[in-house]
Each structure stands twice: as structure tokens, then as C-alpha cells.
PDB file of N, CA and C in Angstrom:
ATOM      1  N   MET A   1       0.841  -1.189   0.000  1.00  0.00           N
ATOM      2  CA  MET A   1       0.000   0.000   0.000  1.00  0.00           C
ATOM      3  C   MET A   1       0.883   1.248   0.000  1.00  0.00           C
ATOM      4  N   ALA A   2       0.396   2.262  -0.668  1.00  0.00           N
ATOM      5  CA  ALA A   2       1.097   3.538  -0.735  1.00  0.00           C
ATOM      6  C   ALA A   2       0.183   4.626  -0.181  1.00  0.00           C
ATOM      7  N   GLN A   3       0.779   5.711   0.277  1.00  0.00           N
ATOM      8  CA  GLN A   3      -0.003   6.866   0.723  1.00  0.00           C
ATOM      9  C   GLN A   3       0.054   7.936  -0.347  1.00  0.00           C
ATOM     10  N   ILE A   4      -1.088   8.574  -0.555  1.00  0.00           N
ATOM     11  CA  ILE A   4      -1.189   9.611  -1.580  1.00  0.00           C
ATOM     12  C   ILE A   4      -2.187  10.668  -1.104  1.00  0.00           C
ATOM     13  N   GLU A   5      -1.998  11.897  -1.526  1.00  0.00           N
ATOM     14  CA  GLU A   5      -2.924  12.956  -1.164  1.00  0.00           C
ATOM     15  C   GLU A   5      -4.257  12.728  -1.868  1.00  0.00           C
ATOM     16  N   LEU A   6      -5.323  13.035  -1.168  1.00  0.00           N
ATOM     17  CA  LEU A   6      -6.669  12.820  -1.675  1.00  0.00           C
ATOM     18  C   LEU A   6      -6.926  13.569  -2.980  1.00  0.00           C
ATOM     19  N   PHE A   7      -6.250  14.683  -3.211  1.00  0.00           N
ATOM     20  CA  PHE A   7      -6.532  15.460  -4.422  1.00  0.00           C
ATOM     21  C   PHE A   7      -6.176  14.728  -5.705  1.00  0.00           C
ATOM     22  N   TYR A   8      -5.394  13.661  -5.613  1.00  0.00           N
ATOM     23  CA  TYR A   8      -5.120  12.847  -6.794  1.00  0.00           C
ATOM     24  C   TYR A   8      -6.297  11.929  -7.129  1.00  0.00           C
ATOM     25  N   LEU A   9      -7.221  11.759  -6.190  1.00  0.00           N
ATOM     26  CA  LEU A   9      -8.347  10.834  -6.371  1.00  0.00           C
ATOM     27  C   LEU A   9      -9.703  11.517  -6.493  1.00  0.00           C
ATOM     28  N   ALA A  10      -9.810  12.764  -6.027  1.00  0.00           N
ATOM     29  CA  ALA A  10     -11.125  13.399  -5.946  1.00  0.00           C
ATOM     30  C   ALA A  10     -11.013  14.918  -5.998  1.00  0.00           C
ATOM     31  N   HIS A  11     -12.153  15.540  -6.223  1.00  0.00           N
ATOM     32  CA  HIS A  11     -12.213  17.009  -6.142  1.00  0.00           C
ATOM     33  C   HIS A  11     -13.269  17.386  -5.116  1.00  0.00           C
ATOM     34  N   SER A  12     -13.240  18.639  -4.705  1.00  0.00           N
ATOM     35  CA  SER A  12     -14.123  19.096  -3.642  1.00  0.00           C
ATOM     36  C   SER A  12     -14.559  20.533  -3.907  1.00  0.00           C
ATOM     37  N   ARG A  13     -15.755  20.834  -3.455  1.00  0.00           N
ATOM     38  CA  ARG A  13     -16.270  22.206  -3.465  1.00  0.00           C
ATOM     39  C   ARG A  13     -16.775  22.511  -2.067  1.00  0.00           C
ATOM     40  N   THR A  14     -16.638  23.734  -1.643  1.00  0.00           N
ATOM     41  CA  THR A  14     -17.098  24.110  -0.308  1.00  0.00           C
ATOM     42  C   THR A  14     -18.047  25.289  -0.375  1.00  0.00           C
ATOM     43  N   GLY A  15     -18.808  25.422   0.677  1.00  0.00           N
ATOM     44  CA  GLY A  15     -19.725  26.536   0.813  1.00  0.00           C
ATOM     45  C   GLY A  15     -19.989  26.785   2.279  1.00  0.00           C
ATOM     46  N   ASP A  16     -20.949  27.639   2.560  1.00  0.00           N
ATOM     47  CA  ASP A  16     -21.225  27.973   3.953  1.00  0.00           C
ATOM     48  C   ASP A  16     -22.720  28.043   4.181  1.00  0.00           C
ATOM     49  N   LYS A  17     -23.087  27.705   5.382  1.00  0.00           N
ATOM     50  CA  LYS A  17     -24.451  27.872   5.888  1.00  0.00           C
ATOM     51  C   LYS A  17     -24.301  28.389   7.308  1.00  0.00           C
ATOM     52  N   GLY A  18     -24.320  29.703   7.459  1.00  0.00           N
ATOM     53  CA  GLY A  18     -24.102  30.297   8.771  1.00  0.00           C
ATOM     54  C   GLY A  18     -22.686  30.017   9.233  1.00  0.00           C
ATOM     55  N   ASP A  19     -22.554  29.381  10.393  1.00  0.00           N
ATOM     56  CA  ASP A  19     -21.245  29.057  10.945  1.00  0.00           C
ATOM     57  C   ASP A  19     -20.797  27.648  10.560  1.00  0.00           C
ATOM     58  N   SER A  20     -21.569  26.992   9.698  1.00  0.00           N
ATOM     59  CA  SER A  20     -21.214  25.645   9.249  1.00  0.00           C
ATOM     60  C   SER A  20     -20.666  25.696   7.825  1.00  0.00           C
ATOM     61  N   GLN A  21     -19.726  24.830   7.595  1.00  0.00           N
ATOM     62  CA  GLN A  21     -19.140  24.700   6.268  1.00  0.00           C
ATOM     63  C   GLN A  21     -19.694  23.438   5.640  1.00  0.00           C
ATOM     64  N   THR A  22     -20.107  23.523   4.400  1.00  0.00           N
ATOM     65  CA  THR A  22     -20.517  22.346   3.653  1.00  0.00           C
ATOM     66  C   THR A  22     -19.422  22.027   2.648  1.00  0.00           C
ATOM     67  N   MET A  23     -19.241  20.748   2.405  1.00  0.00           N
ATOM     68  CA  MET A  23     -18.124  20.349   1.550  1.00  0.00           C
ATOM     69  C   MET A  23     -18.493  19.088   0.786  1.00  0.00           C
ATOM     70  N   SER A  24     -18.436  19.151  -0.524  1.00  0.00           N
ATOM     71  CA  SER A  24     -18.648  17.952  -1.327  1.00  0.00           C
ATOM     72  C   SER A  24     -17.305  17.299  -1.607  1.00  0.00           C
ATOM     73  N   LEU A  25     -17.332  16.000  -1.836  1.00  0.00           N
ATOM     74  CA  LEU A  25     -16.138  15.256  -2.223  1.00  0.00           C
ATOM     75  C   LEU A  25     -16.575  14.250  -3.269  1.00  0.00           C
ATOM     76  N   THR A  26     -16.024  14.374  -4.468  1.00  0.00           N
ATOM     77  CA  THR A  26     -16.414  13.514  -5.577  1.00  0.00           C
ATOM     78  C   THR A  26     -15.182  12.877  -6.195  1.00  0.00           C
ATOM     79  N   PRO A  27     -15.105  11.553  -6.172  1.00  0.00           N
ATOM     80  CA  PRO A  27     -13.970  10.870  -6.806  1.00  0.00           C
ATOM     81  C   PRO A  27     -13.966  11.119  -8.320  1.00  0.00           C
ATOM     82  N   TYR A  28     -12.779  11.196  -8.885  1.00  0.00           N
ATOM     83  CA  TYR A  28     -12.657  11.301 -10.337  1.00  0.00           C
ATOM     84  C   TYR A  28     -13.130  10.012 -10.998  1.00  0.00           C
ATOM     85  N   ARG A  29     -12.878   8.889 -10.340  1.00  0.00           N
ATOM     86  CA  ARG A  29     -13.262   7.574 -10.863  1.00  0.00           C
ATOM     87  C   ARG A  29     -14.254   6.924  -9.901  1.00  0.00           C
ATOM     88  N   ALA A  30     -15.367   6.443 -10.417  1.00  0.00           N
ATOM     89  CA  ALA A  30     -16.366   5.781  -9.577  1.00  0.00           C
ATOM     90  C   ALA A  30     -15.767   4.596  -8.827  1.00  0.00           C
ATOM     91  N   GLU A  31     -14.748   3.967  -9.394  1.00  0.00           N
ATOM     92  CA  GLU A  31     -14.097   2.814  -8.761  1.00  0.00           C
ATOM     93  C   GLU A  31     -13.448   3.183  -7.425  1.00  0.00           C
ATOM     94  N   ASP A  32     -13.163   4.442  -7.204  1.00  0.00           N
ATOM     95  CA  ASP A  32     -12.504   4.866  -5.963  1.00  0.00           C
ATOM     96  C   ASP A  32     -13.488   5.224  -4.850  1.00  0.00           C
ATOM     97  N   TYR A  33     -14.780   5.149  -5.127  1.00  0.00           N
ATOM     98  CA  TYR A  33     -15.784   5.527  -4.127  1.00  0.00           C
ATOM     99  C   TYR A  33     -15.633   4.706  -2.840  1.00  0.00           C
ATOM    100  N   ALA A  34     -15.544   3.399  -2.964  1.00  0.00           N
ATOM    101  CA  ALA A  34     -15.455   2.532  -1.774  1.00  0.00           C
ATOM    102  C   ALA A  34     -14.156   2.769  -1.012  1.00  0.00           C
ATOM    103  N   LEU A  35     -13.059   2.957  -1.727  1.00  0.00           N
ATOM    104  CA  LEU A  35     -11.766   3.211  -1.090  1.00  0.00           C
ATOM    105  C   LEU A  35     -11.826   4.498  -0.269  1.00  0.00           C
ATOM    106  N   ILE A  36     -12.414   5.528  -0.844  1.00  0.00           N
ATOM    107  CA  ILE A  36     -12.549   6.808  -0.147  1.00  0.00           C
ATOM    108  C   ILE A  36     -13.532   6.673   1.020  1.00  0.00           C
ATOM    109  N   ALA A  37     -14.618   5.940   0.817  1.00  0.00           N
ATOM    110  CA  ALA A  37     -15.615   5.767   1.886  1.00  0.00           C
ATOM    111  C   ALA A  37     -15.005   5.129   3.126  1.00  0.00           C
ATOM    112  N   ARG A  38     -14.095   4.191   2.937  1.00  0.00           N
ATOM    113  CA  ARG A  38     -13.470   3.517   4.080  1.00  0.00           C
ATOM    114  C   ARG A  38     -12.545   4.442   4.866  1.00  0.00           C
ATOM    115  N   GLN A  39     -11.907   5.378   4.192  1.00  0.00           N
ATOM    116  CA  GLN A  39     -10.858   6.161   4.844  1.00  0.00           C
ATOM    117  C   GLN A  39     -11.242   7.598   5.174  1.00  0.00           C
ATOM    118  N   VAL A  40     -12.086   8.205   4.372  1.00  0.00           N
ATOM    119  CA  VAL A  40     -12.450   9.606   4.585  1.00  0.00           C
ATOM    120  C   VAL A  40     -13.768   9.634   5.368  1.00  0.00           C
ATOM    121  N   THR A  41     -13.665   9.228   6.607  1.00  0.00           N
ATOM    122  CA  THR A  41     -14.812   9.192   7.518  1.00  0.00           C
ATOM    123  C   THR A  41     -15.008  10.570   8.150  1.00  0.00           C
ATOM    124  N   ALA A  42     -16.125  10.730   8.833  1.00  0.00           N
ATOM    125  CA  ALA A  42     -16.364  11.987   9.547  1.00  0.00           C
ATOM    126  C   ALA A  42     -15.270  12.222  10.582  1.00  0.00           C
ATOM    127  N   ALA A  43     -14.865  11.159  11.278  1.00  0.00           N
ATOM    128  CA  ALA A  43     -13.810  11.296  12.294  1.00  0.00           C
ATOM    129  C   ALA A  43     -12.476  11.679  11.661  1.00  0.00           C
ATOM    130  N   ALA A  44     -12.168  11.105  10.506  1.00  0.00           N
ATOM    131  CA  ALA A  44     -10.906  11.425   9.828  1.00  0.00           C
ATOM    132  C   ALA A  44     -10.899  12.876   9.338  1.00  0.00           C
ATOM    133  N   VAL A  45     -12.038  13.338   8.848  1.00  0.00           N
ATOM    134  CA  VAL A  45     -12.141  14.732   8.400  1.00  0.00           C
ATOM    135  C   VAL A  45     -12.015  15.673   9.591  1.00  0.00           C
ATOM    136  N   ARG A  46     -12.654  15.331  10.689  1.00  0.00           N
ATOM    137  CA  ARG A  46     -12.553  16.151  11.914  1.00  0.00           C
ATOM    138  C   ARG A  46     -11.102  16.275  12.345  1.00  0.00           C
ATOM    139  N   LYS A  47     -10.383  15.158  12.318  1.00  0.00           N
ATOM    140  CA  LYS A  47      -8.965  15.156  12.691  1.00  0.00           C
ATOM    141  C   LYS A  47      -8.144  15.989  11.707  1.00  0.00           C
ATOM    142  N   GLN A  48      -8.435  15.873  10.413  1.00  0.00           N
ATOM    143  CA  GLN A  48      -7.706  16.619   9.391  1.00  0.00           C
ATOM    144  C   GLN A  48      -7.838  18.127   9.601  1.00  0.00           C
ATOM    145  N   PHE A  49      -9.018  18.572   9.992  1.00  0.00           N
ATOM    146  CA  PHE A  49      -9.257  20.010  10.166  1.00  0.00           C
ATOM    147  C   PHE A  49      -8.802  20.528  11.530  1.00  0.00           C
ATOM    148  N   GLY A  50      -8.639  19.651  12.484  1.00  0.00           N
ATOM    149  CA  GLY A  50      -8.121  20.043  13.795  1.00  0.00           C
ATOM    150  C   GLY A  50      -8.869  21.207  14.408  1.00  0.00           C
ATOM    151  N   GLU A  51      -8.138  22.215  14.817  1.00  0.00           N
ATOM    152  CA  GLU A  51      -8.722  23.362  15.517  1.00  0.00           C
ATOM    153  C   GLU A  51      -9.546  24.279  14.618  1.00  0.00           C
ATOM    154  N   LEU A  52      -9.539  24.042  13.323  1.00  0.00           N
ATOM    155  CA  LEU A  52     -10.368  24.857  12.427  1.00  0.00           C
ATOM    156  C   LEU A  52     -11.854  24.576  12.617  1.00  0.00           C
ATOM    157  N   VAL A  53     -12.179  23.425  13.210  1.00  0.00           N
ATOM    158  CA  VAL A  53     -13.574  23.041  13.420  1.00  0.00           C
ATOM    159  C   VAL A  53     -13.801  22.814  14.907  1.00  0.00           C
ATOM    160  N   SER A  54     -14.779  23.523  15.470  1.00  0.00           N
ATOM    161  CA  SER A  54     -15.094  23.368  16.892  1.00  0.00           C
ATOM    162  C   SER A  54     -16.247  22.401  17.128  1.00  0.00           C
ATOM    163  N   GLY A  55     -17.083  22.206  16.132  1.00  0.00           N
ATOM    164  CA  GLY A  55     -18.276  21.382  16.301  1.00  0.00           C
ATOM    165  C   GLY A  55     -18.147  20.006  15.671  1.00  0.00           C
ATOM    166  N   HIS A  56     -19.302  19.406  15.426  1.00  0.00           N
ATOM    167  CA  HIS A  56     -19.373  18.057  14.873  1.00  0.00           C
ATOM    168  C   HIS A  56     -19.130  18.066  13.367  1.00  0.00           C
ATOM    169  N   VAL A  57     -18.682  16.929  12.871  1.00  0.00           N
ATOM    170  CA  VAL A  57     -18.562  16.702  11.432  1.00  0.00           C
ATOM    171  C   VAL A  57     -19.485  15.538  11.087  1.00  0.00           C
ATOM    172  N   THR A  58     -20.325  15.741  10.086  1.00  0.00           N
ATOM    173  CA  THR A  58     -21.248  14.705   9.631  1.00  0.00           C
ATOM    174  C   THR A  58     -20.962  14.414   8.165  1.00  0.00           C
ATOM    175  N   ARG A  59     -20.919  13.114   7.825  1.00  0.00           N
ATOM    176  CA  ARG A  59     -20.736  12.722   6.426  1.00  0.00           C
ATOM    177  C   ARG A  59     -22.044  12.151   5.905  1.00  0.00           C
ATOM    178  N   TYR A  60     -22.445  12.611   4.736  1.00  0.00           N
ATOM    179  CA  TYR A  60     -23.599  12.073   4.033  1.00  0.00           C
ATOM    180  C   TYR A  60     -23.093  11.349   2.791  1.00  0.00           C
ATOM    181  N   ASP A  61     -23.428  10.075   2.692  1.00  0.00           N
ATOM    182  CA  ASP A  61     -23.023   9.280   1.540  1.00  0.00           C
ATOM    183  C   ASP A  61     -24.051   9.440   0.424  1.00  0.00           C
ATOM    184  N   LEU A  62     -23.564   9.646  -0.781  1.00  0.00           N
ATOM    185  CA  LEU A  62     -24.418   9.799  -1.957  1.00  0.00           C
ATOM    186  C   LEU A  62     -23.974   8.782  -3.013  1.00  0.00           C
ATOM    187  N   PRO A  63     -24.226   7.487  -2.759  1.00  0.00           N
ATOM    188  CA  PRO A  63     -23.692   6.449  -3.642  1.00  0.00           C
ATOM    189  C   PRO A  63     -24.205   6.520  -5.074  1.00  0.00           C
ATOM    190  N   ASN A  64     -25.417   6.992  -5.291  1.00  0.00           N
ATOM    191  CA  ASN A  64     -25.930   7.097  -6.658  1.00  0.00           C
ATOM    192  C   ASN A  64     -25.185   8.156  -7.471  1.00  0.00           C
ATOM    193  N   LEU A  65     -24.551   9.080  -6.765  1.00  0.00           N
ATOM    194  CA  LEU A  65     -23.754  10.117  -7.427  1.00  0.00           C
ATOM    195  C   LEU A  65     -22.261   9.838  -7.319  1.00  0.00           C
ATOM    196  N   SER A  66     -21.917   8.761  -6.616  1.00  0.00           N
ATOM    197  CA  SER A  66     -20.510   8.460  -6.291  1.00  0.00           C
ATOM    198  C   SER A  66     -19.858   9.669  -5.639  1.00  0.00           C
ATOM    199  N   ALA A  67     -20.520  10.202  -4.619  1.00  0.00           N
ATOM    200  CA  ALA A  67     -20.021  11.413  -3.960  1.00  0.00           C
ATOM    201  C   ALA A  67     -20.358  11.375  -2.467  1.00  0.00           C
ATOM    202  N   PHE A  68     -19.795  12.330  -1.762  1.00  0.00           N
ATOM    203  CA  PHE A  68     -20.031  12.507  -0.331  1.00  0.00           C
ATOM    204  C   PHE A  68     -20.296  13.982  -0.085  1.00  0.00           C
ATOM    205  N   ASN A  69     -21.030  14.261   0.981  1.00  0.00           N
ATOM    206  CA  ASN A  69     -21.197  15.633   1.425  1.00  0.00           C
ATOM    207  C   ASN A  69     -20.879  15.665   2.914  1.00  0.00           C
ATOM    208  N   PHE A  70     -20.071  16.615   3.312  1.00  0.00           N
ATOM    209  CA  PHE A  70     -19.704  16.781   4.716  1.00  0.00           C
ATOM    210  C   PHE A  70     -20.264  18.103   5.218  1.00  0.00           C
ATOM    211  N   VAL A  71     -20.703  18.088   6.463  1.00  0.00           N
ATOM    212  CA  VAL A  71     -21.109  19.323   7.141  1.00  0.00           C
ATOM    213  C   VAL A  71     -20.209  19.462   8.360  1.00  0.00           C
ATOM    214  N   LEU A  72     -19.468  20.552   8.409  1.00  0.00           N
ATOM    215  CA  LEU A  72     -18.549  20.846   9.508  1.00  0.00           C
ATOM    216  C   LEU A  72     -19.149  21.996  10.305  1.00  0.00           C
ATOM    217  N   GLU A  73     -19.642  21.684  11.495  1.00  0.00           N
ATOM    218  CA  GLU A  73     -20.305  22.693  12.329  1.00  0.00           C
ATOM    219  C   GLU A  73     -19.280  23.516  13.103  1.00  0.00           C
ATOM    220  N   GLU A  74     -19.635  24.772  13.333  1.00  0.00           N
ATOM    221  CA  GLU A  74     -18.770  25.707  14.055  1.00  0.00           C
ATOM    222  C   GLU A  74     -17.377  25.750  13.417  1.00  0.00           C
ATOM    223  N   ALA A  75     -17.371  26.001  12.123  1.00  0.00           N
ATOM    224  CA  ALA A  75     -16.125  25.967  11.372  1.00  0.00           C
ATOM    225  C   ALA A  75     -15.725  27.313  10.771  1.00  0.00           C
ATOM    226  N   LEU A  76     -16.595  28.303  10.858  1.00  0.00           N
ATOM    227  CA  LEU A  76     -16.320  29.561  10.161  1.00  0.00           C
ATOM    228  C   LEU A  76     -16.250  30.770  11.086  1.00  0.00           C
ATOM    229  N   GLN A  77     -15.887  30.543  12.317  1.00  0.00           N
ATOM    230  CA  GLN A  77     -15.701  31.619  13.303  1.00  0.00           C
ATOM    231  C   GLN A  77     -16.895  32.564  13.350  1.00  0.00           C
ATOM    232  N   GLY A  78     -18.083  31.996  13.367  1.00  0.00           N
ATOM    233  CA  GLY A  78     -19.295  32.808  13.473  1.00  0.00           C
ATOM    234  C   GLY A  78     -20.022  32.987  12.160  1.00  0.00           C
ATOM    235  N   GLY A  79     -19.396  32.726  11.047  1.00  0.00           N
ATOM    236  CA  GLY A  79     -20.055  32.865   9.759  1.00  0.00           C
ATOM    237  C   GLY A  79     -19.679  34.155   9.058  1.00  0.00           C
ATOM    238  N   VAL A  80     -20.251  34.332   7.888  1.00  0.00           N
ATOM    239  CA  VAL A  80     -19.885  35.433   6.991  1.00  0.00           C
ATOM    240  C   VAL A  80     -20.017  36.796   7.652  1.00  0.00           C
ATOM    241  N   ASN A  81     -21.082  37.016   8.373  1.00  0.00           N
ATOM    242  CA  ASN A  81     -21.325  38.343   8.942  1.00  0.00           C
ATOM    243  C   ASN A  81     -20.571  38.604  10.236  1.00  0.00           C
ATOM    244  N   ASP A  82     -20.088  37.555  10.885  1.00  0.00           N
ATOM    245  CA  ASP A  82     -19.456  37.720  12.197  1.00  0.00           C
ATOM    246  C   ASP A  82     -17.948  37.507  12.194  1.00  0.00           C
ATOM    247  N   SER A  83     -17.431  36.819  11.221  1.00  0.00           N
ATOM    248  CA  SER A  83     -16.037  36.392  11.241  1.00  0.00           C
ATOM    249  C   SER A  83     -15.088  37.468  10.735  1.00  0.00           C
ATOM    250  N   LEU A  84     -13.924  37.508  11.355  1.00  0.00           N
ATOM    251  CA  LEU A  84     -12.846  38.367  10.866  1.00  0.00           C
ATOM    252  C   LEU A  84     -11.874  37.568   9.993  1.00  0.00           C
ATOM    253  N   ASN A  85     -12.192  36.315   9.778  1.00  0.00           N
ATOM    254  CA  ASN A  85     -11.382  35.431   8.957  1.00  0.00           C
ATOM    255  C   ASN A  85     -11.307  35.982   7.525  1.00  0.00           C
ATOM    256  N   LEU A  86     -10.191  35.801   6.862  1.00  0.00           N
ATOM    257  CA  LEU A  86     -10.051  36.279   5.482  1.00  0.00           C
ATOM    258  C   LEU A  86     -10.951  35.528   4.515  1.00  0.00           C
ATOM    259  N   ASP A  87     -11.243  34.260   4.808  1.00  0.00           N
ATOM    260  CA  ASP A  87     -12.100  33.445   3.951  1.00  0.00           C
ATOM    261  C   ASP A  87     -13.370  33.117   4.722  1.00  0.00           C
ATOM    262  N   THR A  88     -14.250  34.087   4.847  1.00  0.00           N
ATOM    263  CA  THR A  88     -15.434  33.919   5.688  1.00  0.00           C
ATOM    264  C   THR A  88     -16.406  32.875   5.143  1.00  0.00           C
ATOM    265  N   HIS A  89     -16.360  32.584   3.853  1.00  0.00           N
ATOM    266  CA  HIS A  89     -17.230  31.572   3.250  1.00  0.00           C
ATOM    267  C   HIS A  89     -16.611  30.176   3.312  1.00  0.00           C
ATOM    268  N   GLY A  90     -15.345  30.073   3.629  1.00  0.00           N
ATOM    269  CA  GLY A  90     -14.677  28.781   3.684  1.00  0.00           C
ATOM    270  C   GLY A  90     -14.409  28.173   2.322  1.00  0.00           C
ATOM    271  N   LYS A  91     -14.383  28.982   1.274  1.00  0.00           N
ATOM    272  CA  LYS A  91     -14.226  28.464  -0.092  1.00  0.00           C
ATOM    273  C   LYS A  91     -12.879  27.786  -0.322  1.00  0.00           C
ATOM    274  N   THR A  92     -11.846  28.230   0.353  1.00  0.00           N
ATOM    275  CA  THR A  92     -10.519  27.641   0.125  1.00  0.00           C
ATOM    276  C   THR A  92     -10.259  26.419   0.996  1.00  0.00           C
ATOM    277  N   ARG A  93     -11.169  26.095   1.878  1.00  0.00           N
ATOM    278  CA  ARG A  93     -10.945  25.000   2.821  1.00  0.00           C
ATOM    279  C   ARG A  93     -10.953  23.616   2.177  1.00  0.00           C
ATOM    280  N   SER A  94     -11.418  23.502   0.945  1.00  0.00           N
ATOM    281  CA  SER A  94     -11.358  22.199   0.295  1.00  0.00           C
ATOM    282  C   SER A  94      -9.909  21.734   0.170  1.00  0.00           C
ATOM    283  N   ALA A  95      -8.973  22.660   0.108  1.00  0.00           N
ATOM    284  CA  ALA A  95      -7.555  22.295   0.031  1.00  0.00           C
ATOM    285  C   ALA A  95      -7.106  21.551   1.284  1.00  0.00           C
ATOM    286  N   VAL A  96      -7.692  21.878   2.427  1.00  0.00           N
ATOM    287  CA  VAL A  96      -7.351  21.174   3.668  1.00  0.00           C
ATOM    288  C   VAL A  96      -7.798  19.719   3.567  1.00  0.00           C
ATOM    289  N   LEU A  97      -9.013  19.511   3.094  1.00  0.00           N
ATOM    290  CA  LEU A  97      -9.518  18.144   2.929  1.00  0.00           C
ATOM    291  C   LEU A  97      -8.698  17.380   1.899  1.00  0.00           C
ATOM    292  N   LEU A  98      -8.436  17.991   0.770  1.00  0.00           N
ATOM    293  CA  LEU A  98      -7.759  17.300  -0.325  1.00  0.00           C
ATOM    294  C   LEU A  98      -6.283  17.017  -0.030  1.00  0.00           C
ATOM    295  N   ALA A  99      -5.734  17.621   1.004  1.00  0.00           N
ATOM    296  CA  ALA A  99      -4.357  17.331   1.420  1.00  0.00           C
ATOM    297  C   ALA A  99      -4.278  16.085   2.303  1.00  0.00           C
ATOM    298  N   MET A 100      -5.422  15.527   2.687  1.00  0.00           N
ATOM    299  CA  MET A 100      -5.445  14.335   3.524  1.00  0.00           C
ATOM    300  C   MET A 100      -4.744  13.177   2.809  1.00  0.00           C
ATOM    301  N   LEU A 101      -3.903  12.469   3.554  1.00  0.00           N
ATOM    302  CA  LEU A 101      -3.234  11.294   3.012  1.00  0.00           C
ATOM    303  C   LEU A 101      -4.113  10.071   3.188  1.00  0.00           C
ATOM    304  N   ILE A 102      -4.266   9.304   2.115  1.00  0.00           N
ATOM    305  CA  ILE A 102      -5.001   8.052   2.203  1.00  0.00           C
ATOM    306  C   ILE A 102      -4.173   6.947   1.559  1.00  0.00           C
ATOM    307  N   GLU A 103      -4.496   5.724   1.911  1.00  0.00           N
ATOM    308  CA  GLU A 103      -3.769   4.582   1.380  1.00  0.00           C
ATOM    309  C   GLU A 103      -4.449   4.059   0.123  1.00  0.00           C
ATOM    310  N   VAL A 104      -3.608   3.753  -0.866  1.00  0.00           N
ATOM    311  CA  VAL A 104      -4.085   3.168  -2.111  1.00  0.00           C
ATOM    312  C   VAL A 104      -3.212   1.958  -2.438  1.00  0.00           C
ATOM    313  N   PRO A 105      -3.729   1.017  -3.220  1.00  0.00           N
ATOM    314  CA  PRO A 105      -2.894  -0.112  -3.647  1.00  0.00           C
ATOM    315  C   PRO A 105      -1.687   0.379  -4.453  1.00  0.00           C
ATOM    316  N   ASP A 106      -0.618  -0.385  -4.410  1.00  0.00           N
ATOM    317  CA  ASP A 106       0.621   0.007  -5.092  1.00  0.00           C
ATOM    318  C   ASP A 106       0.453   0.157  -6.602  1.00  0.00           C
ATOM    319  N   ASP A 107      -0.602  -0.416  -7.170  1.00  0.00           N
ATOM    320  CA  ASP A 107      -0.812  -0.321  -8.616  1.00  0.00           C
ATOM    321  C   ASP A 107      -1.916   0.677  -8.993  1.00  0.00           C
ATOM    322  N   HIS A 108      -2.291   1.552  -8.067  1.00  0.00           N
ATOM    323  CA  HIS A 108      -3.364   2.516  -8.333  1.00  0.00           C
ATOM    324  C   HIS A 108      -2.927   3.515  -9.403  1.00  0.00           C
ATOM    325  N   PRO A 109      -3.797   3.821 -10.367  1.00  0.00           N
ATOM    326  CA  PRO A 109      -3.450   4.772 -11.444  1.00  0.00           C
ATOM    327  C   PRO A 109      -3.036   6.161 -10.958  1.00  0.00           C
ATOM    328  N   ALA A 110      -3.532   6.594  -9.814  1.00  0.00           N
ATOM    329  CA  ALA A 110      -3.187   7.931  -9.309  1.00  0.00           C
ATOM    330  C   ALA A 110      -1.703   8.040  -8.973  1.00  0.00           C
ATOM    331  N   LEU A 111      -1.076   6.927  -8.643  1.00  0.00           N
ATOM    332  CA  LEU A 111       0.359   6.959  -8.352  1.00  0.00           C
ATOM    333  C   LEU A 111       1.162   7.281  -9.609  1.00  0.00           C
ATOM    334  N   LYS A 112       0.682   6.826 -10.757  1.00  0.00           N
ATOM    335  CA  LYS A 112       1.343   7.160 -12.026  1.00  0.00           C
ATOM    336  C   LYS A 112       1.190   8.636 -12.340  1.00  0.00           C
ATOM    337  N   THR A 113       0.023   9.180 -12.045  1.00  0.00           N
ATOM    338  CA  THR A 113      -0.212  10.607 -12.249  1.00  0.00           C
ATOM    339  C   THR A 113       0.722  11.419 -11.378  1.00  0.00           C
ATOM    340  N   ARG A 114       0.826  11.031 -10.104  1.00  0.00           N
ATOM    341  CA  ARG A 114       1.701  11.744  -9.176  1.00  0.00           C
ATOM    342  C   ARG A 114       3.139  11.681  -9.664  1.00  0.00           C
ATOM    343  N   ALA A 115       3.591  10.517 -10.098  1.00  0.00           N
ATOM    344  CA  ALA A 115       4.969  10.361 -10.592  1.00  0.00           C
ATOM    345  C   ALA A 115       5.203  11.189 -11.853  1.00  0.00           C
ATOM    346  N   ALA A 116       4.204  11.231 -12.741  1.00  0.00           N
ATOM    347  CA  ALA A 116       4.346  12.006 -13.969  1.00  0.00           C
ATOM    348  C   ALA A 116       4.480  13.505 -13.686  1.00  0.00           C
ATOM    349  N   LEU A 117       3.892  13.928 -12.583  1.00  0.00           N
ATOM    350  CA  LEU A 117       3.994  15.330 -12.188  1.00  0.00           C
ATOM    351  C   LEU A 117       5.251  15.626 -11.375  1.00  0.00           C
ATOM    352  N   GLY A 118       6.036  14.569 -11.133  1.00  0.00           N
ATOM    353  CA  GLY A 118       7.273  14.744 -10.378  1.00  0.00           C
ATOM    354  C   GLY A 118       7.080  14.809  -8.894  1.00  0.00           C
ATOM    355  N   ASN A 119       5.947  14.311  -8.409  1.00  0.00           N
ATOM    356  CA  ASN A 119       5.630  14.370  -6.978  1.00  0.00           C
ATOM    357  C   ASN A 119       5.697  12.988  -6.354  1.00  0.00           C
ATOM    358  N   VAL A 120       6.799  12.316  -6.482  1.00  0.00           N
ATOM    359  CA  VAL A 120       6.914  10.953  -5.971  1.00  0.00           C
ATOM    360  C   VAL A 120       7.126  10.950  -4.490  1.00  0.00           C
TER     361      VAL A 120
END
């Protein structure tokens, strides 16, 4: 098994609902849905975000879309109208999620992509 950053396997979009951040995660390949489901749990996402999130993290599985939706509560320092944060909507926070390391088989196609980009 090899470790690779999640951004080689999936993309993400983020948004805000008050002080909560919403975040989609969609694998590039439907074949990676189960692999991501096993490793990118609500607890793993909570750990990845650390002190950026004060509340609960909930994962919603969307198997018909081969996607996930996460809700991170108390993640935006009060929300758009209250926060002094530079990114009050949390739009750039998908980079935090996509930097998560996950394990893939040694023959996974994403490892070839990473090597081709010089990121071995």
C-alpha cells in the first residue's frame, strides 16, 4: 500500500451555511468511491481540520452520485457576517480536505499521475 494525497483521487467544493461549512467530495473515478468511503470518515475529516472546526462533522453518503457531502459545524468563526477570517465563506478549505493522506494499492493509477507530475 502507498499513501497519496486525496486530491489525486477526488475534487471538492465548499460553501457555507451560517457558521457551518458544507463540503462535497467527488472521486474522479467511480471505482474509488469505496476506497474513499473507508478512509475519509467523519472522524478522519474532523482530525484533518483540527482546531479549524469546533463542532461536529457529519458525512452524508451519496452512492448514486458516487459522492459525499460533509457538514462541519462551528467551522467559520461565526459565519460570513461575524467572522474576521479572510475566507469567511470557507471556499478555500477544500484544500485542507484534499491534502489528507489516504492509502491506495501500489498499482493505483493515481500513483502514475503523481509520478508524472514529479511528486513521488
